[in-house]
Amino acid sequence: QVKWFPESEKLKLLHFRYFGLDNLMNKYRVYSRRLSAVNRQNGW
């Protein structure tokens, strides 16, 4: 029973992951090392 809540800027999804360049680069380095073969094959 799909009844969508109307689009609204009042309901937000805040994504907290960018805390400076050094933190960004460190996180990307860690996750790059952990990416699975299936992720790489699909560009995920």
ModelCIF file with pLDDT and N, C-alpha, C, O atoms, coordinates in Angstrom:
data_MODEL
#
_entry.id   MODEL 
#
_entity.id                         1 
_entity.type                       polymer 
_entity.pdbx_number_of_molecules   1 
#
_entity_poly.entity_id                      1 
_entity_poly.type                           'polypeptide(L)' 
_entity_poly.nstd_linkage                   no 
_entity_poly.nstd_monomer                   no 
_entity_poly.pdbx_seq_one_letter_code       QVKWFPESEKLKLLHFRYFGLDNLMNKYRVYSRRLSAVNRQNGW 
_entity_poly.pdbx_seq_one_letter_code_can   QVKWFPESEKLKLLHFRYFGLDNLMNKYRVYSRRLSAVNRQNGW 
_entity_poly.pdbx_strand_id                 A 
#
loop_
_entity_poly_seq.entity_id 
_entity_poly_seq.num 
_entity_poly_seq.mon_id 
_entity_poly_seq.hetero 
1 1  GLN n 
1 2  VAL n 
1 3  LYS n 
1 4  TRP n 
1 5  PHE n 
1 6  PRO n 
1 7  GLU n 
1 8  SER n 
1 9  GLU n 
1 10 LYS n 
1 11 LEU n 
1 12 LYS n 
1 13 LEU n 
1 14 LEU n 
1 15 HIS n 
1 16 PHE n 
1 17 ARG n 
1 18 TYR n 
1 19 PHE n 
1 20 GLY n 
1 21 LEU n 
1 22 ASP n 
1 23 ASN n 
1 24 LEU n 
1 25 MET n 
1 26 ASN n 
1 27 LYS n 
1 28 TYR n 
1 29 ARG n 
1 30 VAL n 
1 31 TYR n 
1 32 SER n 
1 33 ARG n 
1 34 ARG n 
1 35 LEU n 
1 36 SER n 
1 37 ALA n 
1 38 VAL n 
1 39 ASN n 
1 40 ARG n 
1 41 GLN n 
1 42 ASN n 
1 43 GLY n 
1 44 TRP n 
#
_struct_asym.id          A 
_struct_asym.entity_id   1 
#
loop_
_ma_qa_metric.id 
_ma_qa_metric.mode 
_ma_qa_metric.name 
_ma_qa_metric.software_group_id 
_ma_qa_metric.type 
1 global pLDDT . pLDDT 
2 local  pLDDT . pLDDT 
#
_ma_qa_metric_global.metric_id      1 
_ma_qa_metric_global.metric_value   91.73 
_ma_qa_metric_global.model_id       1 
_ma_qa_metric_global.ordinal_id     1 
#
loop_
_ma_qa_metric_local.label_asym_id 
_ma_qa_metric_local.label_comp_id 
_ma_qa_metric_local.label_seq_id 
_ma_qa_metric_local.metric_id 
_ma_qa_metric_local.metric_value 
_ma_qa_metric_local.model_id 
_ma_qa_metric_local.ordinal_id 
A GLN 1  2 98.00 1 1  
A VAL 2  2 98.00 1 2  
A LYS 3  2 98.00 1 3  
A TRP 4  2 97.00 1 4  
A PHE 5  2 96.00 1 5  
A PRO 6  2 94.00 1 6  
A GLU 7  2 86.00 1 7  
A SER 8  2 85.00 1 8  
A GLU 9  2 85.00 1 9  
A LYS 10 2 93.00 1 10 
A LEU 11 2 97.00 1 11 
A LYS 12 2 97.00 1 12 
A LEU 13 2 98.00 1 13 
A LEU 14 2 98.00 1 14 
A HIS 15 2 97.00 1 15 
A PHE 16 2 97.00 1 16 
A ARG 17 2 95.00 1 17 
A TYR 18 2 96.00 1 18 
A PHE 19 2 96.00 1 19 
A GLY 20 2 95.00 1 20 
A LEU 21 2 94.00 1 21 
A ASP 22 2 94.00 1 22 
A ASN 23 2 91.00 1 23 
A LEU 24 2 91.00 1 24 
A MET 25 2 93.00 1 25 
A ASN 26 2 90.00 1 26 
A LYS 27 2 89.00 1 27 
A TYR 28 2 90.00 1 28 
A ARG 29 2 91.00 1 29 
A VAL 30 2 86.00 1 30 
A TYR 31 2 86.00 1 31 
A SER 32 2 89.00 1 32 
A ARG 33 2 88.00 1 33 
A ARG 34 2 88.00 1 34 
A LEU 35 2 86.00 1 35 
A SER 36 2 90.00 1 36 
A ALA 37 2 89.00 1 37 
A VAL 38 2 87.00 1 38 
A ASN 39 2 87.00 1 39 
A ARG 40 2 89.00 1 40 
A GLN 41 2 89.00 1 41 
A ASN 42 2 89.00 1 42 
A GLY 43 2 88.00 1 43 
A TRP 44 2 86.00 1 44 
#
loop_
_atom_site.group_PDB 
_atom_site.id 
_atom_site.type_symbol 
_atom_site.label_atom_id 
_atom_site.label_alt_id 
_atom_site.label_comp_id 
_atom_site.label_asym_id 
_atom_site.label_entity_id 
_atom_site.label_seq_id 
_atom_site.pdbx_PDB_ins_code 
_atom_site.Cartn_x 
_atom_site.Cartn_y 
_atom_site.Cartn_z 
_atom_site.occupancy 
_atom_site.B_iso_or_equiv 
_atom_site.pdbx_formal_charge 
_atom_site.auth_seq_id 
_atom_site.auth_comp_id 
_atom_site.auth_asym_id 
_atom_site.auth_atom_id 
_atom_site.pdbx_PDB_model_num 
ATOM 1   N N  . GLN A 1 1  ? 0.859  -1.184 0.000   1.00 98.00 ? 1  GLN A N  1 
ATOM 2   C CA . GLN A 1 1  ? 0.000  0.000  0.000   1.00 98.00 ? 1  GLN A CA 1 
ATOM 3   C C  . GLN A 1 1  ? 0.896  1.235  0.000   1.00 98.00 ? 1  GLN A C  1 
ATOM 4   O O  . GLN A 1 1  ? 1.264  1.753  1.054   1.00 98.00 ? 1  GLN A O  1 
ATOM 5   N N  . VAL A 1 2  ? 1.233  1.688  -1.180  1.00 98.00 ? 2  VAL A N  1 
ATOM 6   C CA . VAL A 1 2  ? 2.228  2.759  -1.336  1.00 98.00 ? 2  VAL A CA 1 
ATOM 7   C C  . VAL A 1 2  ? 1.527  4.109  -1.444  1.00 98.00 ? 2  VAL A C  1 
ATOM 8   O O  . VAL A 1 2  ? 0.855  4.390  -2.436  1.00 98.00 ? 2  VAL A O  1 
ATOM 9   N N  . LYS A 1 3  ? 1.686  4.931  -0.431  1.00 98.00 ? 3  LYS A N  1 
ATOM 10  C CA . LYS A 1 3  ? 1.185  6.303  -0.466  1.00 98.00 ? 3  LYS A CA 1 
ATOM 11  C C  . LYS A 1 3  ? 2.320  7.228  -0.036  1.00 98.00 ? 3  LYS A C  1 
ATOM 12  O O  . LYS A 1 3  ? 2.676  7.298  1.141   1.00 98.00 ? 3  LYS A O  1 
ATOM 13  N N  . TRP A 1 4  ? 2.872  7.927  -1.007  1.00 97.00 ? 4  TRP A N  1 
ATOM 14  C CA . TRP A 1 4  ? 4.074  8.725  -0.779  1.00 97.00 ? 4  TRP A CA 1 
ATOM 15  C C  . TRP A 1 4  ? 3.784  10.005 0.003   1.00 97.00 ? 4  TRP A C  1 
ATOM 16  O O  . TRP A 1 4  ? 2.821  10.720 -0.273  1.00 97.00 ? 4  TRP A O  1 
ATOM 17  N N  . PHE A 1 5  ? 4.637  10.268 0.979   1.00 96.00 ? 5  PHE A N  1 
ATOM 18  C CA . PHE A 1 5  ? 4.674  11.585 1.600   1.00 96.00 ? 5  PHE A CA 1 
ATOM 19  C C  . PHE A 1 5  ? 5.140  12.568 0.528   1.00 96.00 ? 5  PHE A C  1 
ATOM 20  O O  . PHE A 1 5  ? 6.116  12.286 -0.166  1.00 96.00 ? 5  PHE A O  1 
ATOM 21  N N  . PRO A 1 6  ? 4.476  13.711 0.373   1.00 94.00 ? 6  PRO A N  1 
ATOM 22  C CA . PRO A 1 6  ? 4.851  14.637 -0.704  1.00 94.00 ? 6  PRO A CA 1 
ATOM 23  C C  . PRO A 1 6  ? 6.267  15.177 -0.512  1.00 94.00 ? 6  PRO A C  1 
ATOM 24  O O  . PRO A 1 6  ? 6.745  15.336 0.612   1.00 94.00 ? 6  PRO A O  1 
ATOM 25  N N  . GLU A 1 7  ? 6.917  15.451 -1.631  1.00 86.00 ? 7  GLU A N  1 
ATOM 26  C CA . GLU A 1 7  ? 8.269  16.015 -1.574  1.00 86.00 ? 7  GLU A CA 1 
ATOM 27  C C  . GLU A 1 7  ? 8.262  17.280 -0.712  1.00 86.00 ? 7  GLU A C  1 
ATOM 28  O O  . GLU A 1 7  ? 7.396  18.145 -0.843  1.00 86.00 ? 7  GLU A O  1 
ATOM 29  N N  . SER A 1 8  ? 9.243  17.353 0.157   1.00 85.00 ? 8  SER A N  1 
ATOM 30  C CA . SER A 1 8  ? 9.276  18.484 1.080   1.00 85.00 ? 8  SER A CA 1 
ATOM 31  C C  . SER A 1 8  ? 10.699 18.730 1.549   1.00 85.00 ? 8  SER A C  1 
ATOM 32  O O  . SER A 1 8  ? 11.387 17.808 1.987   1.00 85.00 ? 8  SER A O  1 
ATOM 33  N N  . GLU A 1 9  ? 11.127 19.962 1.455   1.00 85.00 ? 9  GLU A N  1 
ATOM 34  C CA . GLU A 1 9  ? 12.451 20.323 1.952   1.00 85.00 ? 9  GLU A CA 1 
ATOM 35  C C  . GLU A 1 9  ? 12.496 20.306 3.478   1.00 85.00 ? 9  GLU A C  1 
ATOM 36  O O  . GLU A 1 9  ? 13.573 20.383 4.070   1.00 85.00 ? 9  GLU A O  1 
ATOM 37  N N  . LYS A 1 10 ? 11.324 20.207 4.117   1.00 93.00 ? 10 LYS A N  1 
ATOM 38  C CA . LYS A 1 10 ? 11.305 20.181 5.573   1.00 93.00 ? 10 LYS A CA 1 
ATOM 39  C C  . LYS A 1 10 ? 11.752 18.840 6.133   1.00 93.00 ? 10 LYS A C  1 
ATOM 40  O O  . LYS A 1 10 ? 12.272 18.774 7.248   1.00 93.00 ? 10 LYS A O  1 
ATOM 41  N N  . LEU A 1 11 ? 11.554 17.766 5.366   1.00 97.00 ? 11 LEU A N  1 
ATOM 42  C CA . LEU A 1 11 ? 12.033 16.444 5.770   1.00 97.00 ? 11 LEU A CA 1 
ATOM 43  C C  . LEU A 1 11 ? 13.355 16.219 5.056   1.00 97.00 ? 11 LEU A C  1 
ATOM 44  O O  . LEU A 1 11 ? 13.395 16.065 3.835   1.00 97.00 ? 11 LEU A O  1 
ATOM 45  N N  . LYS A 1 12 ? 14.433 16.200 5.825   1.00 97.00 ? 12 LYS A N  1 
ATOM 46  C CA . LYS A 1 12 ? 15.769 16.175 5.246   1.00 97.00 ? 12 LYS A CA 1 
ATOM 47  C C  . LYS A 1 12 ? 16.523 14.908 5.638   1.00 97.00 ? 12 LYS A C  1 
ATOM 48  O O  . LYS A 1 12 ? 16.295 14.338 6.705   1.00 97.00 ? 12 LYS A O  1 
ATOM 49  N N  . LEU A 1 13 ? 17.420 14.481 4.760   1.00 98.00 ? 13 LEU A N  1 
ATOM 50  C CA . LEU A 1 13 ? 18.358 13.416 5.073   1.00 98.00 ? 13 LEU A CA 1 
ATOM 51  C C  . LEU A 1 13 ? 19.752 14.039 5.033   1.00 98.00 ? 13 LEU A C  1 
ATOM 52  O O  . LEU A 1 13 ? 20.292 14.328 3.965   1.00 98.00 ? 13 LEU A O  1 
ATOM 53  N N  . LEU A 1 14 ? 20.312 14.236 6.211   1.00 98.00 ? 14 LEU A N  1 
ATOM 54  C CA . LEU A 1 14 ? 21.614 14.894 6.344   1.00 98.00 ? 14 LEU A CA 1 
ATOM 55  C C  . LEU A 1 14 ? 22.711 13.840 6.367   1.00 98.00 ? 14 LEU A C  1 
ATOM 56  O O  . LEU A 1 14 ? 22.726 12.962 7.229   1.00 98.00 ? 14 LEU A O  1 
ATOM 57  N N  . HIS A 1 15 ? 23.624 13.936 5.415   1.00 97.00 ? 15 HIS A N  1 
ATOM 58  C CA . HIS A 1 15 ? 24.701 12.958 5.267   1.00 97.00 ? 15 HIS A CA 1 
ATOM 59  C C  . HIS A 1 15 ? 25.992 13.590 5.802   1.00 97.00 ? 15 HIS A C  1 
ATOM 60  O O  . HIS A 1 15 ? 26.554 14.492 5.181   1.00 97.00 ? 15 HIS A O  1 
ATOM 61  N N  . PHE A 1 16 ? 26.452 13.109 6.955   1.00 97.00 ? 16 PHE A N  1 
ATOM 62  C CA . PHE A 1 16 ? 27.632 13.682 7.607   1.00 97.00 ? 16 PHE A CA 1 
ATOM 63  C C  . PHE A 1 16 ? 28.854 12.809 7.348   1.00 97.00 ? 16 PHE A C  1 
ATOM 64  O O  . PHE A 1 16 ? 29.055 11.794 8.013   1.00 97.00 ? 16 PHE A O  1 
ATOM 65  N N  . ARG A 1 17 ? 29.668 13.214 6.374   1.00 95.00 ? 17 ARG A N  1 
ATOM 66  C CA . ARG A 1 17 ? 30.885 12.454 6.058   1.00 95.00 ? 17 ARG A CA 1 
ATOM 67  C C  . ARG A 1 17 ? 32.052 13.326 5.646   1.00 95.00 ? 17 ARG A C  1 
ATOM 68  O O  . ARG A 1 17 ? 33.173 12.831 5.529   1.00 95.00 ? 17 ARG A O  1 
ATOM 69  N N  . TYR A 1 18 ? 31.819 14.623 5.421   1.00 96.00 ? 18 TYR A N  1 
ATOM 70  C CA . TYR A 1 18 ? 32.877 15.511 4.952   1.00 96.00 ? 18 TYR A CA 1 
ATOM 71  C C  . TYR A 1 18 ? 33.317 16.435 6.086   1.00 96.00 ? 18 TYR A C  1 
ATOM 72  O O  . TYR A 1 18 ? 32.663 17.433 6.387   1.00 96.00 ? 18 TYR A O  1 
ATOM 73  N N  . PHE A 1 19 ? 34.444 16.077 6.707   1.00 96.00 ? 19 PHE A N  1 
ATOM 74  C CA . PHE A 1 19 ? 34.977 16.840 7.846   1.00 96.00 ? 19 PHE A CA 1 
ATOM 75  C C  . PHE A 1 19 ? 36.411 17.280 7.558   1.00 96.00 ? 19 PHE A C  1 
ATOM 76  O O  . PHE A 1 19 ? 37.307 17.035 8.367   1.00 96.00 ? 19 PHE A O  1 
ATOM 77  N N  . GLY A 1 20 ? 36.633 17.918 6.428   1.00 95.00 ? 20 GLY A N  1 
ATOM 78  C CA . GLY A 1 20 ? 37.980 18.350 6.067   1.00 95.00 ? 20 GLY A CA 1 
ATOM 79  C C  . GLY A 1 20 ? 38.601 17.422 5.037   1.00 95.00 ? 20 GLY A C  1 
ATOM 80  O O  . GLY A 1 20 ? 38.230 16.253 4.929   1.00 95.00 ? 20 GLY A O  1 
ATOM 81  N N  . LEU A 1 21 ? 39.547 17.957 4.285   1.00 94.00 ? 21 LEU A N  1 
ATOM 82  C CA . LEU A 1 21 ? 40.163 17.198 3.198   1.00 94.00 ? 21 LEU A CA 1 
ATOM 83  C C  . LEU A 1 21 ? 40.926 15.985 3.707   1.00 94.00 ? 21 LEU A C  1 
ATOM 84  O O  . LEU A 1 21 ? 40.827 14.910 3.116   1.00 94.00 ? 21 LEU A O  1 
ATOM 85  N N  . ASP A 1 22 ? 41.683 16.129 4.786   1.00 94.00 ? 22 ASP A N  1 
ATOM 86  C CA . ASP A 1 22 ? 42.464 14.997 5.292   1.00 94.00 ? 22 ASP A CA 1 
ATOM 87  C C  . ASP A 1 22 ? 41.554 13.839 5.692   1.00 94.00 ? 22 ASP A C  1 
ATOM 88  O O  . ASP A 1 22 ? 41.854 12.681 5.404   1.00 94.00 ? 22 ASP A O  1 
ATOM 89  N N  . ASN A 1 23 ? 40.438 14.153 6.359   1.00 91.00 ? 23 ASN A N  1 
ATOM 90  C CA . ASN A 1 23 ? 39.500 13.118 6.764   1.00 91.00 ? 23 ASN A CA 1 
ATOM 91  C C  . ASN A 1 23 ? 38.872 12.447 5.551   1.00 91.00 ? 23 ASN A C  1 
ATOM 92  O O  . ASN A 1 23 ? 38.709 11.227 5.526   1.00 91.00 ? 23 ASN A O  1 
ATOM 93  N N  . LEU A 1 24 ? 38.518 13.245 4.543   1.00 91.00 ? 24 LEU A N  1 
ATOM 94  C CA . LEU A 1 24 ? 37.938 12.703 3.320   1.00 91.00 ? 24 LEU A CA 1 
ATOM 95  C C  . LEU A 1 24 ? 38.899 11.727 2.657   1.00 91.00 ? 24 LEU A C  1 
ATOM 96  O O  . LEU A 1 24 ? 38.506 10.622 2.281   1.00 91.00 ? 24 LEU A O  1 
ATOM 97  N N  . MET A 1 25 ? 40.160 12.132 2.513   1.00 93.00 ? 25 MET A N  1 
ATOM 98  C CA . MET A 1 25 ? 41.142 11.302 1.822   1.00 93.00 ? 25 MET A CA 1 
ATOM 99  C C  . MET A 1 25 ? 41.431 10.017 2.597   1.00 93.00 ? 25 MET A C  1 
ATOM 100 O O  . MET A 1 25 ? 41.643 8.961  2.000   1.00 93.00 ? 25 MET A O  1 
ATOM 101 N N  . ASN A 1 26 ? 41.438 10.110 3.914   1.00 90.00 ? 26 ASN A N  1 
ATOM 102 C CA . ASN A 1 26 ? 41.675 8.917  4.721   1.00 90.00 ? 26 ASN A CA 1 
ATOM 103 C C  . ASN A 1 26 ? 40.515 7.937  4.585   1.00 90.00 ? 26 ASN A C  1 
ATOM 104 O O  . ASN A 1 26 ? 40.737 6.734  4.451   1.00 90.00 ? 26 ASN A O  1 
ATOM 105 N N  . LYS A 1 27 ? 39.284 8.435  4.618   1.00 89.00 ? 27 LYS A N  1 
ATOM 106 C CA . LYS A 1 27 ? 38.119 7.564  4.483   1.00 89.00 ? 27 LYS A CA 1 
ATOM 107 C C  . LYS A 1 27 ? 38.098 6.899  3.113   1.00 89.00 ? 27 LYS A C  1 
ATOM 108 O O  . LYS A 1 27 ? 37.839 5.700  3.012   1.00 89.00 ? 27 LYS A O  1 
ATOM 109 N N  . TYR A 1 28 ? 38.368 7.663  2.062   1.00 90.00 ? 28 TYR A N  1 
ATOM 110 C CA . TYR A 1 28 ? 38.369 7.100  0.716   1.00 90.00 ? 28 TYR A CA 1 
ATOM 111 C C  . TYR A 1 28 ? 39.449 6.031  0.580   1.00 90.00 ? 28 TYR A C  1 
ATOM 112 O O  . TYR A 1 28 ? 39.243 5.016  -0.085  1.00 90.00 ? 28 TYR A O  1 
ATOM 113 N N  . ARG A 1 29 ? 40.583 6.257  1.203   1.00 91.00 ? 29 ARG A N  1 
ATOM 114 C CA . ARG A 1 29 ? 41.682 5.277  1.132   1.00 91.00 ? 29 ARG A CA 1 
ATOM 115 C C  . ARG A 1 29 ? 41.275 3.965  1.795   1.00 91.00 ? 29 ARG A C  1 
ATOM 116 O O  . ARG A 1 29 ? 41.531 2.891  1.252   1.00 91.00 ? 29 ARG A O  1 
ATOM 117 N N  . VAL A 1 30 ? 40.647 4.045  2.958   1.00 86.00 ? 30 VAL A N  1 
ATOM 118 C CA . VAL A 1 30 ? 40.217 2.843  3.683   1.00 86.00 ? 30 VAL A CA 1 
ATOM 119 C C  . VAL A 1 30 ? 39.159 2.091  2.884   1.00 86.00 ? 30 VAL A C  1 
ATOM 120 O O  . VAL A 1 30 ? 39.244 0.873  2.728   1.00 86.00 ? 30 VAL A O  1 
ATOM 121 N N  . TYR A 1 31 ? 38.161 2.817  2.378   1.00 86.00 ? 31 TYR A N  1 
ATOM 122 C CA . TYR A 1 31 ? 37.073 2.149  1.654   1.00 86.00 ? 31 TYR A CA 1 
ATOM 123 C C  . TYR A 1 31 ? 37.529 1.629  0.303   1.00 86.00 ? 31 TYR A C  1 
ATOM 124 O O  . TYR A 1 31 ? 37.024 0.606  -0.160  1.00 86.00 ? 31 TYR A O  1 
ATOM 125 N N  . SER A 1 32 ? 38.463 2.301  -0.334  1.00 89.00 ? 32 SER A N  1 
ATOM 126 C CA . SER A 1 32 ? 38.989 1.808  -1.605  1.00 89.00 ? 32 SER A CA 1 
ATOM 127 C C  . SER A 1 32 ? 39.641 0.445  -1.424  1.00 89.00 ? 32 SER A C  1 
ATOM 128 O O  . SER A 1 32 ? 39.478 -0.446 -2.258  1.00 89.00 ? 32 SER A O  1 
ATOM 129 N N  . ARG A 1 33 ? 40.383 0.289  -0.327  1.00 88.00 ? 33 ARG A N  1 
ATOM 130 C CA . ARG A 1 33 ? 41.047 -0.990 -0.067  1.00 88.00 ? 33 ARG A CA 1 
ATOM 131 C C  . ARG A 1 33 ? 40.037 -2.104 0.191   1.00 88.00 ? 33 ARG A C  1 
ATOM 132 O O  . ARG A 1 33 ? 40.331 -3.272 -0.065  1.00 88.00 ? 33 ARG A O  1 
ATOM 133 N N  . ARG A 1 34 ? 38.844 -1.758 0.697   1.00 88.00 ? 34 ARG A N  1 
ATOM 134 C CA . ARG A 1 34 ? 37.857 -2.773 1.064   1.00 88.00 ? 34 ARG A CA 1 
ATOM 135 C C  . ARG A 1 34 ? 36.835 -3.060 -0.038  1.00 88.00 ? 34 ARG A C  1 
ATOM 136 O O  . ARG A 1 34 ? 36.015 -3.964 0.126   1.00 88.00 ? 34 ARG A O  1 
ATOM 137 N N  . LEU A 1 35 ? 36.851 -2.335 -1.141  1.00 86.00 ? 35 LEU A N  1 
ATOM 138 C CA . LEU A 1 35 ? 35.851 -2.549 -2.183  1.00 86.00 ? 35 LEU A CA 1 
ATOM 139 C C  . LEU A 1 35 ? 35.942 -3.974 -2.727  1.00 86.00 ? 35 LEU A C  1 
ATOM 140 O O  . LEU A 1 35 ? 37.020 -4.446 -3.091  1.00 86.00 ? 35 LEU A O  1 
ATOM 141 N N  . SER A 1 36 ? 34.805 -4.641 -2.776  1.00 90.00 ? 36 SER A N  1 
ATOM 142 C CA . SER A 1 36 ? 34.760 -6.013 -3.270  1.00 90.00 ? 36 SER A CA 1 
ATOM 143 C C  . SER A 1 36 ? 34.852 -6.042 -4.791  1.00 90.00 ? 36 SER A C  1 
ATOM 144 O O  . SER A 1 36 ? 34.684 -5.021 -5.458  1.00 90.00 ? 36 SER A O  1 
ATOM 145 N N  . ALA A 1 37 ? 35.123 -7.238 -5.330  1.00 89.00 ? 37 ALA A N  1 
ATOM 146 C CA . ALA A 1 37 ? 35.181 -7.412 -6.780  1.00 89.00 ? 37 ALA A CA 1 
ATOM 147 C C  . ALA A 1 37 ? 33.832 -7.071 -7.417  1.00 89.00 ? 37 ALA A C  1 
ATOM 148 O O  . ALA A 1 37 ? 33.783 -6.467 -8.488  1.00 89.00 ? 37 ALA A O  1 
ATOM 149 N N  . VAL A 1 38 ? 32.738 -7.461 -6.754  1.00 87.00 ? 38 VAL A N  1 
ATOM 150 C CA . VAL A 1 38 ? 31.418 -7.183 -7.328  1.00 87.00 ? 38 VAL A CA 1 
ATOM 151 C C  . VAL A 1 38 ? 31.136 -5.688 -7.350  1.00 87.00 ? 38 VAL A C  1 
ATOM 152 O O  . VAL A 1 38 ? 30.482 -5.201 -8.272  1.00 87.00 ? 38 VAL A O  1 
ATOM 153 N N  . ASN A 1 39 ? 31.615 -4.952 -6.354  1.00 87.00 ? 39 ASN A N  1 
ATOM 154 C CA . ASN A 1 39 ? 31.464 -3.501 -6.366  1.00 87.00 ? 39 ASN A CA 1 
ATOM 155 C C  . ASN A 1 39 ? 32.224 -2.889 -7.536  1.00 87.00 ? 39 ASN A C  1 
ATOM 156 O O  . ASN A 1 39 ? 31.700 -2.033 -8.249  1.00 87.00 ? 39 ASN A O  1 
ATOM 157 N N  . ARG A 1 40 ? 33.452 -3.330 -7.727  1.00 89.00 ? 40 ARG A N  1 
ATOM 158 C CA . ARG A 1 40 ? 34.272 -2.779 -8.818  1.00 89.00 ? 40 ARG A CA 1 
ATOM 159 C C  . ARG A 1 40 ? 33.671 -3.137 -10.178 1.00 89.00 ? 40 ARG A C  1 
ATOM 160 O O  . ARG A 1 40 ? 33.675 -2.307 -11.088 1.00 89.00 ? 40 ARG A O  1 
ATOM 161 N N  . GLN A 1 41 ? 33.162 -4.342 -10.328 1.00 89.00 ? 41 GLN A N  1 
ATOM 162 C CA . GLN A 1 41 ? 32.568 -4.754 -11.594 1.00 89.00 ? 41 GLN A CA 1 
ATOM 163 C C  . GLN A 1 41 ? 31.353 -3.918 -11.952 1.00 89.00 ? 41 GLN A C  1 
ATOM 164 O O  . GLN A 1 41 ? 31.091 -3.660 -13.127 1.00 89.00 ? 41 GLN A O  1 
ATOM 165 N N  . ASN A 1 42 ? 30.614 -3.497 -10.936 1.00 89.00 ? 42 ASN A N  1 
ATOM 166 C CA . ASN A 1 42 ? 29.384 -2.735 -11.166 1.00 89.00 ? 42 ASN A CA 1 
ATOM 167 C C  . ASN A 1 42 ? 29.552 -1.233 -11.008 1.00 89.00 ? 42 ASN A C  1 
ATOM 168 O O  . ASN A 1 42 ? 28.598 -0.482 -11.211 1.00 89.00 ? 42 ASN A O  1 
ATOM 169 N N  . GLY A 1 43 ? 30.744 -0.785 -10.652 1.00 88.00 ? 43 GLY A N  1 
ATOM 170 C CA . GLY A 1 43 ? 30.970 0.639  -10.462 1.00 88.00 ? 43 GLY A CA 1 
ATOM 171 C C  . GLY A 1 43 ? 30.344 1.189  -9.205  1.00 88.00 ? 43 GLY A C  1 
ATOM 172 O O  . GLY A 1 43 ? 30.128 2.396  -9.089  1.00 88.00 ? 43 GLY A O  1 
ATOM 173 N N  . TRP A 1 44 ? 30.046 0.295  -8.241  1.00 86.00 ? 44 TRP A N  1 
ATOM 174 C CA . TRP A 1 44 ? 29.469 0.735  -6.977  1.00 86.00 ? 44 TRP A CA 1 
ATOM 175 C C  . TRP A 1 44 ? 30.583 1.204  -6.050  1.00 86.00 ? 44 TRP A C  1 
ATOM 176 O O  . TRP A 1 44 ? 30.314 1.620  -4.923  1.00 86.00 ? 44 TRP A O  1 
#
